[in-house]
Amino acid sequence: MSKVTKKQLQQKIDRQETRIDRLVGMLAKKGFYDKFKNLDQSIFDDEPPHLTWAAIEEDGSVYLFAKKPFIDLHKWAAGVDEIEVYVGNEYDASNWQNSLIERESKELIGSDLCRAMLARGDLMVVVWSGRSDDDARLQAKNADLIDPAINIVSHFNGGYFYDVWGSGHKGAVPISLSTGLELTSSEAGL
């Protein structure tokens, strides 16, 4: 068995890297990479307004998140009991660790919308309430397991939304009386 020197080993590595670069170039010329989609703001089209983050995972699948996710080993994660939604695959995962994007805010949602409705003079706003907006949405999503916290908010003071019974809530997500779904600012007339 012959001994391989560091220089010989480095030469072999350099040759392999050159071969890989040529192969990648050939695949690019044949349009191989054109099959993969790039992540952009269109991923949020027709998605609920509380899903404000999107990221590509190592396998090219895309997930939407209500809270800003973090990398947990080889995937994006938002934490226990946080909302994440699978959107699809076929996305370019070549730089998945840097794929995180935030929805460009076009409309007020959640507590921001509730504050704006109260500020314009609405006397009462029907909301899902909880420790946070995400908590309120999670309760509404899991209505089969627990009763969703539906309340009528009458004012905001000191960082809390107060319902007509005097209880304070950190999160207040306005909902439509006709559909029972979360309101957007355009639906609320703002």
Protein backbone atom coordinates (compact mmCIF):
# COMPACT_ATOMS: atom_id res chain seq x y z
CA MET A 1 0.00 0.00 0.00
CA SER A 2 1.46 3.31 -1.05
CA LYS A 3 1.38 6.35 1.12
CA VAL A 4 -0.59 9.35 -0.20
CA THR A 5 0.87 12.75 0.52
CA LYS A 6 -1.14 15.81 1.43
CA LYS A 7 -0.23 17.37 -1.91
CA GLN A 8 -1.52 14.34 -3.85
CA LEU A 9 -4.71 14.30 -1.83
CA GLN A 10 -5.27 18.02 -2.47
CA GLN A 11 -4.72 17.45 -6.22
CA LYS A 12 -7.39 14.70 -6.21
CA ILE A 13 -9.80 16.99 -4.37
CA ASP A 14 -9.13 19.82 -6.84
CA ARG A 15 -9.82 17.48 -9.82
CA GLN A 16 -13.12 16.34 -8.25
CA GLU A 17 -14.17 19.94 -7.60
CA THR A 18 -13.38 20.80 -11.24
CA ARG A 19 -15.50 17.86 -12.43
CA ILE A 20 -18.38 18.92 -10.17
CA ASP A 21 -18.16 22.51 -11.45
CA ARG A 22 -18.30 21.26 -15.06
CA LEU A 23 -21.30 19.05 -14.28
CA VAL A 24 -23.14 21.93 -12.60
CA GLY A 25 -22.38 24.12 -15.62
CA MET A 26 -23.72 21.47 -18.03
CA LEU A 27 -26.89 21.05 -15.97
CA ALA A 28 -27.41 24.82 -15.90
CA LYS A 29 -27.01 25.05 -19.71
CA LYS A 30 -29.63 22.33 -20.17
CA GLY A 31 -32.09 24.24 -17.97
CA PHE A 32 -32.01 21.78 -15.07
CA TYR A 33 -32.15 24.56 -12.48
CA ASP A 34 -34.99 26.34 -14.30
CA LYS A 35 -37.37 23.67 -12.97
CA PHE A 36 -37.04 24.95 -9.43
CA LYS A 37 -39.04 27.92 -8.20
CA ASN A 38 -37.60 30.83 -6.27
CA LEU A 39 -39.25 31.99 -3.08
CA ASP A 40 -40.91 35.41 -3.34
CA GLN A 41 -43.89 37.35 -2.00
CA SER A 42 -46.31 35.46 -4.26
CA ILE A 43 -46.05 32.53 -1.80
CA PHE A 44 -48.34 34.51 0.51
CA ASP A 45 -51.10 34.99 -2.10
CA ASP A 46 -54.41 33.52 -0.92
CA GLU A 47 -52.88 32.57 2.45
CA PRO A 48 -54.28 33.73 5.82
CA PRO A 49 -52.87 37.09 6.91
CA HIS A 50 -51.33 35.78 10.15
CA LEU A 51 -48.85 33.61 8.21
CA THR A 52 -46.08 36.17 7.88
CA TRP A 53 -42.89 34.13 7.36
CA ALA A 54 -41.88 31.64 4.64
CA ALA A 55 -38.78 29.47 4.28
CA ILE A 56 -37.45 26.70 2.06
CA GLU A 57 -36.27 23.54 3.78
CA GLU A 58 -33.29 21.40 2.81
CA ASP A 59 -35.46 19.17 0.57
CA GLY A 60 -37.01 22.08 -1.38
CA SER A 61 -40.33 22.11 0.49
CA VAL A 62 -41.75 25.44 1.67
CA TYR A 63 -43.48 26.17 4.95
CA LEU A 64 -45.31 29.27 6.12
CA PHE A 65 -45.09 30.37 9.75
CA ALA A 66 -47.04 32.69 12.03
CA LYS A 67 -43.92 33.44 14.12
CA LYS A 68 -40.38 34.00 12.90
CA PRO A 69 -38.82 30.51 12.62
CA PHE A 70 -35.28 29.38 13.36
CA ILE A 71 -33.10 26.61 11.95
CA ASP A 72 -33.35 23.41 14.00
CA LEU A 73 -30.77 20.96 12.61
CA HIS A 74 -31.84 20.51 8.98
CA LYS A 75 -35.20 22.30 8.94
CA TRP A 76 -36.97 25.49 9.88
CA ALA A 77 -39.01 25.44 13.09
CA ALA A 78 -41.13 27.98 14.96
CA GLY A 79 -41.40 26.19 18.27
CA VAL A 80 -43.86 23.97 20.09
CA ASP A 81 -47.54 24.75 19.47
CA GLU A 82 -46.72 27.33 16.80
CA ILE A 83 -48.56 27.38 13.52
CA GLU A 84 -46.73 26.19 10.40
CA VAL A 85 -48.27 25.31 7.06
CA TYR A 86 -46.77 23.17 4.27
CA VAL A 87 -47.16 24.94 0.93
CA GLY A 88 -45.37 22.69 -1.55
CA ASN A 89 -42.03 21.60 -2.89
CA GLU A 90 -40.08 22.11 -6.14
CA TYR A 91 -38.29 25.16 -4.74
CA ASP A 92 -34.60 25.90 -5.16
CA ALA A 93 -32.99 24.64 -1.95
CA SER A 94 -29.40 25.49 -2.89
CA ASN A 95 -29.32 28.23 -0.23
CA TRP A 96 -32.13 27.03 2.04
CA GLN A 97 -30.45 28.32 5.23
CA ASN A 98 -30.84 31.90 3.92
CA SER A 99 -34.28 31.50 2.33
CA LEU A 100 -36.37 33.05 5.11
CA ILE A 101 -38.61 35.91 3.92
CA GLU A 102 -41.17 38.03 5.72
CA ARG A 103 -44.52 38.96 4.23
CA GLU A 104 -44.59 42.55 3.09
CA SER A 105 -47.25 44.08 5.26
CA LYS A 106 -50.10 45.46 3.20
CA GLU A 107 -52.87 45.24 5.75
CA LEU A 108 -53.27 45.44 9.48
CA ILE A 109 -54.07 42.13 11.15
CA GLY A 110 -54.60 40.79 14.65
CA SER A 111 -54.04 43.12 17.59
CA ASP A 112 -52.81 45.93 15.32
CA LEU A 113 -56.13 45.83 13.47
CA CYS A 114 -58.11 45.66 16.72
CA ARG A 115 -56.28 48.76 18.06
CA ALA A 116 -56.98 50.62 14.79
CA MET A 117 -60.69 49.68 14.91
CA LEU A 118 -61.00 50.93 18.50
CA ALA A 119 -59.04 54.10 17.63
CA ARG A 120 -61.43 54.95 14.80
CA GLY A 121 -64.33 54.75 17.27
CA ASP A 122 -65.70 51.21 17.07
CA LEU A 123 -67.49 50.65 20.38
CA MET A 124 -67.06 46.86 20.38
CA VAL A 125 -64.95 44.42 18.39
CA VAL A 126 -65.59 40.65 18.38
CA VAL A 127 -62.24 38.88 18.72
CA TRP A 128 -60.44 35.68 19.45
CA SER A 129 -58.44 36.56 22.55
CA GLY A 130 -55.44 35.04 24.26
CA ARG A 131 -51.97 35.62 25.68
CA SER A 132 -50.87 36.70 22.17
CA ASP A 133 -52.30 36.83 18.66
CA ASP A 134 -50.76 33.45 17.86
CA ASP A 135 -52.22 31.97 21.05
CA ALA A 136 -55.68 33.29 20.13
CA ARG A 137 -55.41 31.86 16.60
CA LEU A 138 -54.17 28.53 17.94
CA GLN A 139 -57.16 28.30 20.28
CA ALA A 140 -59.50 29.05 17.38
CA LYS A 141 -57.74 26.43 15.22
CA ASN A 142 -58.07 23.81 17.95
CA ALA A 143 -61.71 24.60 18.73
CA ASP A 144 -62.49 20.86 18.72
CA LEU A 145 -60.10 20.35 21.65
CA ILE A 146 -60.82 23.46 23.68
CA ASP A 147 -63.35 26.26 23.57
CA PRO A 148 -62.00 29.16 21.52
CA ALA A 149 -61.75 32.34 23.53
CA ILE A 150 -64.25 34.57 21.72
CA ASN A 151 -64.73 37.92 23.42
CA ILE A 152 -66.09 41.38 22.80
CA VAL A 153 -63.37 43.99 23.26
CA SER A 154 -64.38 47.54 24.16
CA HIS A 155 -61.06 49.34 24.77
CA PHE A 156 -57.27 49.12 24.85
CA ASN A 157 -55.21 50.42 27.75
CA GLY A 158 -51.74 49.75 29.17
CA GLY A 159 -50.90 47.01 26.67
CA TYR A 160 -54.13 45.05 27.25
CA PHE A 161 -57.42 44.73 25.40
CA TYR A 162 -60.32 44.81 27.84
CA ASP A 163 -63.50 42.91 27.14
CA VAL A 164 -66.94 44.16 28.18
CA TRP A 165 -66.62 42.15 31.43
CA GLY A 166 -63.38 43.92 32.42
CA SER A 167 -60.89 41.09 31.74
CA GLY A 168 -57.59 42.03 30.04
CA HIS A 169 -56.10 40.17 27.08
CA LYS A 170 -52.67 40.63 25.45
CA GLY A 171 -53.84 39.34 22.05
CA ALA A 172 -57.07 40.27 20.28
CA VAL A 173 -57.68 39.03 16.72
CA PRO A 174 -60.82 40.59 15.17
CA ILE A 175 -63.20 38.12 13.53
CA SER A 176 -66.15 38.47 11.18
CA LEU A 177 -69.57 37.86 12.71
CA SER A 178 -70.85 36.50 9.41
CA THR A 179 -68.02 34.03 8.66
CA GLY A 180 -66.28 33.49 12.01
CA LEU A 181 -62.93 34.00 10.25
CA GLU A 182 -60.16 36.50 10.94
CA LEU A 183 -60.75 39.97 9.56
CA THR A 184 -58.30 41.91 7.43
CA SER A 185 -58.09 45.69 7.47
CA SER A 186 -59.82 45.99 4.09
CA GLU A 187 -62.71 43.86 5.35
CA ALA A 188 -62.94 46.07 8.43
CA GLY A 189 -62.97 49.19 6.28
CA LEU A 190 -59.49 50.42 7.22
